[in-house]
Amino acid sequence: MERKEFTYIPSLEVCSKEIHVVLEDDVIVEVSFKKGCAGNTLGVAALLKGMKREEAIRRLRGICCGRKQTSCPDQLARALEEN
């Protein structure tokens, strides 16, 4: 079993300041956000638990928050792509 853990610093455009991710064999085991909209980030984290990395990227990439060009979920997708 390959375990990978990383912390990603998202764009300044979003409310969250850090995204922490734990993967096991490319499956999301844990996601946590530092700052951000608590209900939304907790919900996203709960929904992603057990999901394959590529599926999460496919679902989250390109989501915008209001008039911003990105969002916390989009930043999580970018983190998963880069790590």
N, C-alpha and C. Protein backbone atom coordinates (compact mmCIF):
# COMPACT_ATOMS: atom_id res chain seq x y z
N MET A 1 0.85 -1.18 0.00
CA MET A 1 0.00 0.00 0.00
C MET A 1 0.89 1.24 0.00
N GLU A 2 0.63 2.13 -0.94
CA GLU A 2 1.38 3.38 -1.02
C GLU A 2 0.57 4.50 -0.37
N ARG A 3 1.16 5.11 0.64
CA ARG A 3 0.50 6.20 1.35
C ARG A 3 1.22 7.50 1.01
N LYS A 4 0.45 8.51 0.66
CA LYS A 4 1.01 9.81 0.33
C LYS A 4 0.24 10.87 1.09
N GLU A 5 0.98 11.78 1.71
CA GLU A 5 0.38 12.84 2.50
C GLU A 5 1.03 14.15 2.09
N PHE A 6 0.22 15.18 1.86
CA PHE A 6 0.79 16.48 1.49
C PHE A 6 -0.12 17.62 1.92
N THR A 7 0.48 18.79 1.99
CA THR A 7 -0.25 20.02 2.28
C THR A 7 -0.04 20.97 1.10
N TYR A 8 -1.12 21.54 0.63
CA TYR A 8 -1.11 22.42 -0.54
C TYR A 8 -1.53 23.82 -0.10
N ILE A 9 -0.83 24.82 -0.60
CA ILE A 9 -1.19 26.21 -0.34
C ILE A 9 -1.99 26.71 -1.54
N PRO A 10 -3.28 26.95 -1.36
CA PRO A 10 -4.13 27.35 -2.48
C PRO A 10 -3.93 28.82 -2.88
N SER A 11 -4.54 29.17 -3.98
CA SER A 11 -4.53 30.53 -4.49
C SER A 11 -5.07 31.50 -3.44
N LEU A 12 -4.57 32.72 -3.47
CA LEU A 12 -5.05 33.75 -2.55
C LEU A 12 -6.50 34.15 -2.85
N GLU A 13 -7.03 33.72 -3.98
CA GLU A 13 -8.41 34.04 -4.35
C GLU A 13 -9.44 33.31 -3.49
N VAL A 14 -9.04 32.22 -2.85
CA VAL A 14 -10.00 31.42 -2.08
C VAL A 14 -9.83 31.67 -0.58
N CYS A 15 -10.84 31.29 0.17
CA CYS A 15 -10.85 31.53 1.62
C CYS A 15 -9.94 30.58 2.39
N SER A 16 -9.79 29.35 1.91
CA SER A 16 -8.95 28.40 2.64
C SER A 16 -7.48 28.77 2.47
N LYS A 17 -6.70 28.49 3.50
CA LYS A 17 -5.28 28.85 3.51
C LYS A 17 -4.37 27.65 3.29
N GLU A 18 -4.85 26.46 3.62
CA GLU A 18 -4.11 25.22 3.41
C GLU A 18 -5.10 24.10 3.13
N ILE A 19 -4.66 23.16 2.31
CA ILE A 19 -5.45 21.95 2.07
C ILE A 19 -4.52 20.77 2.36
N HIS A 20 -4.94 19.94 3.30
CA HIS A 20 -4.14 18.76 3.68
C HIS A 20 -4.84 17.52 3.12
N VAL A 21 -4.06 16.66 2.45
CA VAL A 21 -4.62 15.48 1.79
C VAL A 21 -3.82 14.24 2.16
N VAL A 22 -4.53 13.15 2.40
CA VAL A 22 -3.90 11.85 2.60
C VAL A 22 -4.51 10.90 1.57
N LEU A 23 -3.62 10.24 0.81
CA LEU A 23 -4.03 9.26 -0.20
C LEU A 23 -3.42 7.90 0.14
N GLU A 24 -4.15 6.85 -0.15
CA GLU A 24 -3.62 5.49 -0.08
C GLU A 24 -3.96 4.82 -1.40
N ASP A 25 -2.92 4.43 -2.13
CA ASP A 25 -3.11 3.81 -3.45
C ASP A 25 -4.02 4.65 -4.34
N ASP A 26 -3.80 5.95 -4.35
CA ASP A 26 -4.55 6.92 -5.17
C ASP A 26 -6.03 7.04 -4.78
N VAL A 27 -6.36 6.62 -3.58
CA VAL A 27 -7.71 6.79 -3.05
C VAL A 27 -7.63 7.80 -1.90
N ILE A 28 -8.55 8.74 -1.87
CA ILE A 28 -8.55 9.78 -0.84
C ILE A 28 -9.00 9.19 0.48
N VAL A 29 -8.14 9.33 1.48
CA VAL A 29 -8.42 8.83 2.82
C VAL A 29 -8.88 9.98 3.71
N GLU A 30 -8.27 11.14 3.51
CA GLU A 30 -8.58 12.30 4.36
C GLU A 30 -8.30 13.59 3.60
N VAL A 31 -9.18 14.56 3.79
CA VAL A 31 -8.98 15.91 3.28
C VAL A 31 -9.38 16.86 4.40
N SER A 32 -8.56 17.87 4.64
CA SER A 32 -8.95 18.90 5.60
C SER A 32 -8.49 20.25 5.08
N PHE A 33 -9.27 21.25 5.39
CA PHE A 33 -8.99 22.62 4.96
C PHE A 33 -8.72 23.47 6.18
N LYS A 34 -7.73 24.34 6.08
CA LYS A 34 -7.49 25.34 7.13
C LYS A 34 -8.17 26.61 6.66
N LYS A 35 -9.09 27.11 7.47
CA LYS A 35 -9.94 28.26 7.14
C LYS A 35 -10.94 27.85 6.07
N GLY A 36 -11.58 28.81 5.45
CA GLY A 36 -12.59 28.51 4.45
C GLY A 36 -13.97 28.40 5.08
N CYS A 37 -14.97 28.15 4.27
CA CYS A 37 -16.36 28.01 4.72
C CYS A 37 -16.51 26.63 5.36
N ALA A 38 -16.58 26.59 6.67
CA ALA A 38 -16.51 25.32 7.41
C ALA A 38 -17.50 24.27 6.92
N GLY A 39 -18.74 24.62 6.76
CA GLY A 39 -19.73 23.63 6.32
C GLY A 39 -19.41 23.07 4.95
N ASN A 40 -19.04 23.94 4.03
CA ASN A 40 -18.73 23.49 2.67
C ASN A 40 -17.48 22.63 2.63
N THR A 41 -16.43 23.06 3.31
CA THR A 41 -15.18 22.29 3.25
C THR A 41 -15.32 20.95 3.97
N LEU A 42 -16.07 20.92 5.07
CA LEU A 42 -16.32 19.64 5.74
C LEU A 42 -17.15 18.72 4.86
N GLY A 43 -18.12 19.29 4.16
CA GLY A 43 -18.95 18.50 3.26
C GLY A 43 -18.16 17.93 2.10
N VAL A 44 -17.33 18.76 1.49
CA VAL A 44 -16.48 18.29 0.38
C VAL A 44 -15.57 17.17 0.87
N ALA A 45 -14.94 17.37 2.02
CA ALA A 45 -14.04 16.36 2.57
C ALA A 45 -14.76 15.03 2.82
N ALA A 46 -15.96 15.10 3.37
CA ALA A 46 -16.72 13.88 3.65
C ALA A 46 -17.12 13.16 2.36
N LEU A 47 -17.52 13.91 1.35
CA LEU A 47 -17.94 13.30 0.09
C LEU A 47 -16.78 12.66 -0.67
N LEU A 48 -15.58 13.20 -0.50
CA LEU A 48 -14.43 12.69 -1.24
C LEU A 48 -13.78 11.46 -0.60
N LYS A 49 -14.04 11.24 0.66
CA LYS A 49 -13.42 10.11 1.36
C LYS A 49 -13.77 8.80 0.65
N GLY A 50 -12.74 8.06 0.26
CA GLY A 50 -12.93 6.80 -0.45
C GLY A 50 -12.96 6.93 -1.96
N MET A 51 -12.90 8.16 -2.47
CA MET A 51 -12.96 8.39 -3.92
C MET A 51 -11.55 8.33 -4.52
N LYS A 52 -11.46 7.81 -5.73
CA LYS A 52 -10.18 7.80 -6.44
C LYS A 52 -9.78 9.23 -6.81
N ARG A 53 -8.49 9.46 -6.79
CA ARG A 53 -7.93 10.78 -7.09
C ARG A 53 -8.46 11.33 -8.42
N GLU A 54 -8.40 10.56 -9.48
CA GLU A 54 -8.81 11.03 -10.81
C GLU A 54 -10.29 11.40 -10.86
N GLU A 55 -11.12 10.66 -10.16
CA GLU A 55 -12.55 10.98 -10.13
C GLU A 55 -12.79 12.30 -9.41
N ALA A 56 -12.07 12.52 -8.31
CA ALA A 56 -12.20 13.78 -7.58
C ALA A 56 -11.77 14.96 -8.45
N ILE A 57 -10.67 14.80 -9.16
CA ILE A 57 -10.19 15.85 -10.06
C ILE A 57 -11.25 16.15 -11.11
N ARG A 58 -11.78 15.10 -11.71
CA ARG A 58 -12.79 15.26 -12.76
C ARG A 58 -14.02 16.02 -12.25
N ARG A 59 -14.44 15.73 -11.05
CA ARG A 59 -15.64 16.35 -10.49
C ARG A 59 -15.42 17.78 -10.00
N LEU A 60 -14.23 18.08 -9.50
CA LEU A 60 -13.99 19.37 -8.84
C LEU A 60 -13.34 20.42 -9.73
N ARG A 61 -12.59 19.99 -10.74
CA ARG A 61 -11.84 20.92 -11.58
C ARG A 61 -12.78 21.88 -12.29
N GLY A 62 -12.47 23.17 -12.18
CA GLY A 62 -13.23 24.19 -12.90
C GLY A 62 -14.39 24.80 -12.13
N ILE A 63 -14.66 24.32 -10.92
CA ILE A 63 -15.73 24.92 -10.11
C ILE A 63 -15.26 26.31 -9.66
N CYS A 64 -16.12 27.29 -9.86
CA CYS A 64 -15.79 28.67 -9.45
C CYS A 64 -16.64 29.06 -8.25
N CYS A 65 -16.16 30.02 -7.49
CA CYS A 65 -16.87 30.55 -6.33
C CYS A 65 -17.25 31.99 -6.63
N GLY A 66 -18.53 32.22 -6.85
CA GLY A 66 -18.97 33.57 -7.20
C GLY A 66 -18.31 34.04 -8.48
N ARG A 67 -17.72 35.21 -8.43
CA ARG A 67 -17.05 35.78 -9.61
C ARG A 67 -15.58 35.40 -9.70
N LYS A 68 -15.11 34.63 -8.73
CA LYS A 68 -13.71 34.21 -8.74
C LYS A 68 -13.49 33.18 -9.85
N GLN A 69 -12.28 33.08 -10.31
CA GLN A 69 -11.93 32.13 -11.36
C GLN A 69 -11.62 30.74 -10.81
N THR A 70 -11.74 30.57 -9.50
CA THR A 70 -11.42 29.31 -8.84
C THR A 70 -12.29 29.17 -7.59
N SER A 71 -12.06 28.12 -6.83
CA SER A 71 -12.80 27.86 -5.59
C SER A 71 -11.98 26.90 -4.74
N CYS A 72 -12.41 26.67 -3.52
CA CYS A 72 -11.71 25.69 -2.69
C CYS A 72 -11.73 24.29 -3.34
N PRO A 73 -12.88 23.83 -3.87
CA PRO A 73 -12.87 22.53 -4.56
C PRO A 73 -11.94 22.51 -5.78
N ASP A 74 -11.93 23.58 -6.56
CA ASP A 74 -11.03 23.66 -7.71
C ASP A 74 -9.58 23.62 -7.26
N GLN A 75 -9.27 24.31 -6.18
CA GLN A 75 -7.91 24.30 -5.66
C GLN A 75 -7.53 22.90 -5.16
N LEU A 76 -8.47 22.19 -4.59
CA LEU A 76 -8.21 20.81 -4.19
C LEU A 76 -7.91 19.95 -5.41
N ALA A 77 -8.66 20.14 -6.49
CA ALA A 77 -8.38 19.40 -7.72
C ALA A 77 -6.97 19.69 -8.22
N ARG A 78 -6.58 20.95 -8.17
CA ARG A 78 -5.22 21.32 -8.59
C ARG A 78 -4.17 20.67 -7.69
N ALA A 79 -4.45 20.64 -6.40
CA ALA A 79 -3.53 19.99 -5.46
C ALA A 79 -3.36 18.52 -5.80
N LEU A 80 -4.47 17.86 -6.11
CA LEU A 80 -4.42 16.44 -6.46
C LEU A 80 -3.68 16.22 -7.78
N GLU A 81 -3.81 17.14 -8.71
CA GLU A 81 -3.09 17.04 -9.98
C GLU A 81 -1.59 17.21 -9.80
N GLU A 82 -1.21 18.13 -8.93
CA GLU A 82 0.20 18.49 -8.77
C GLU A 82 0.98 17.56 -7.84
N ASN A 83 0.29 16.81 -7.02
CA ASN A 83 1.00 15.99 -6.02
C ASN A 83 0.78 14.51 -6.23
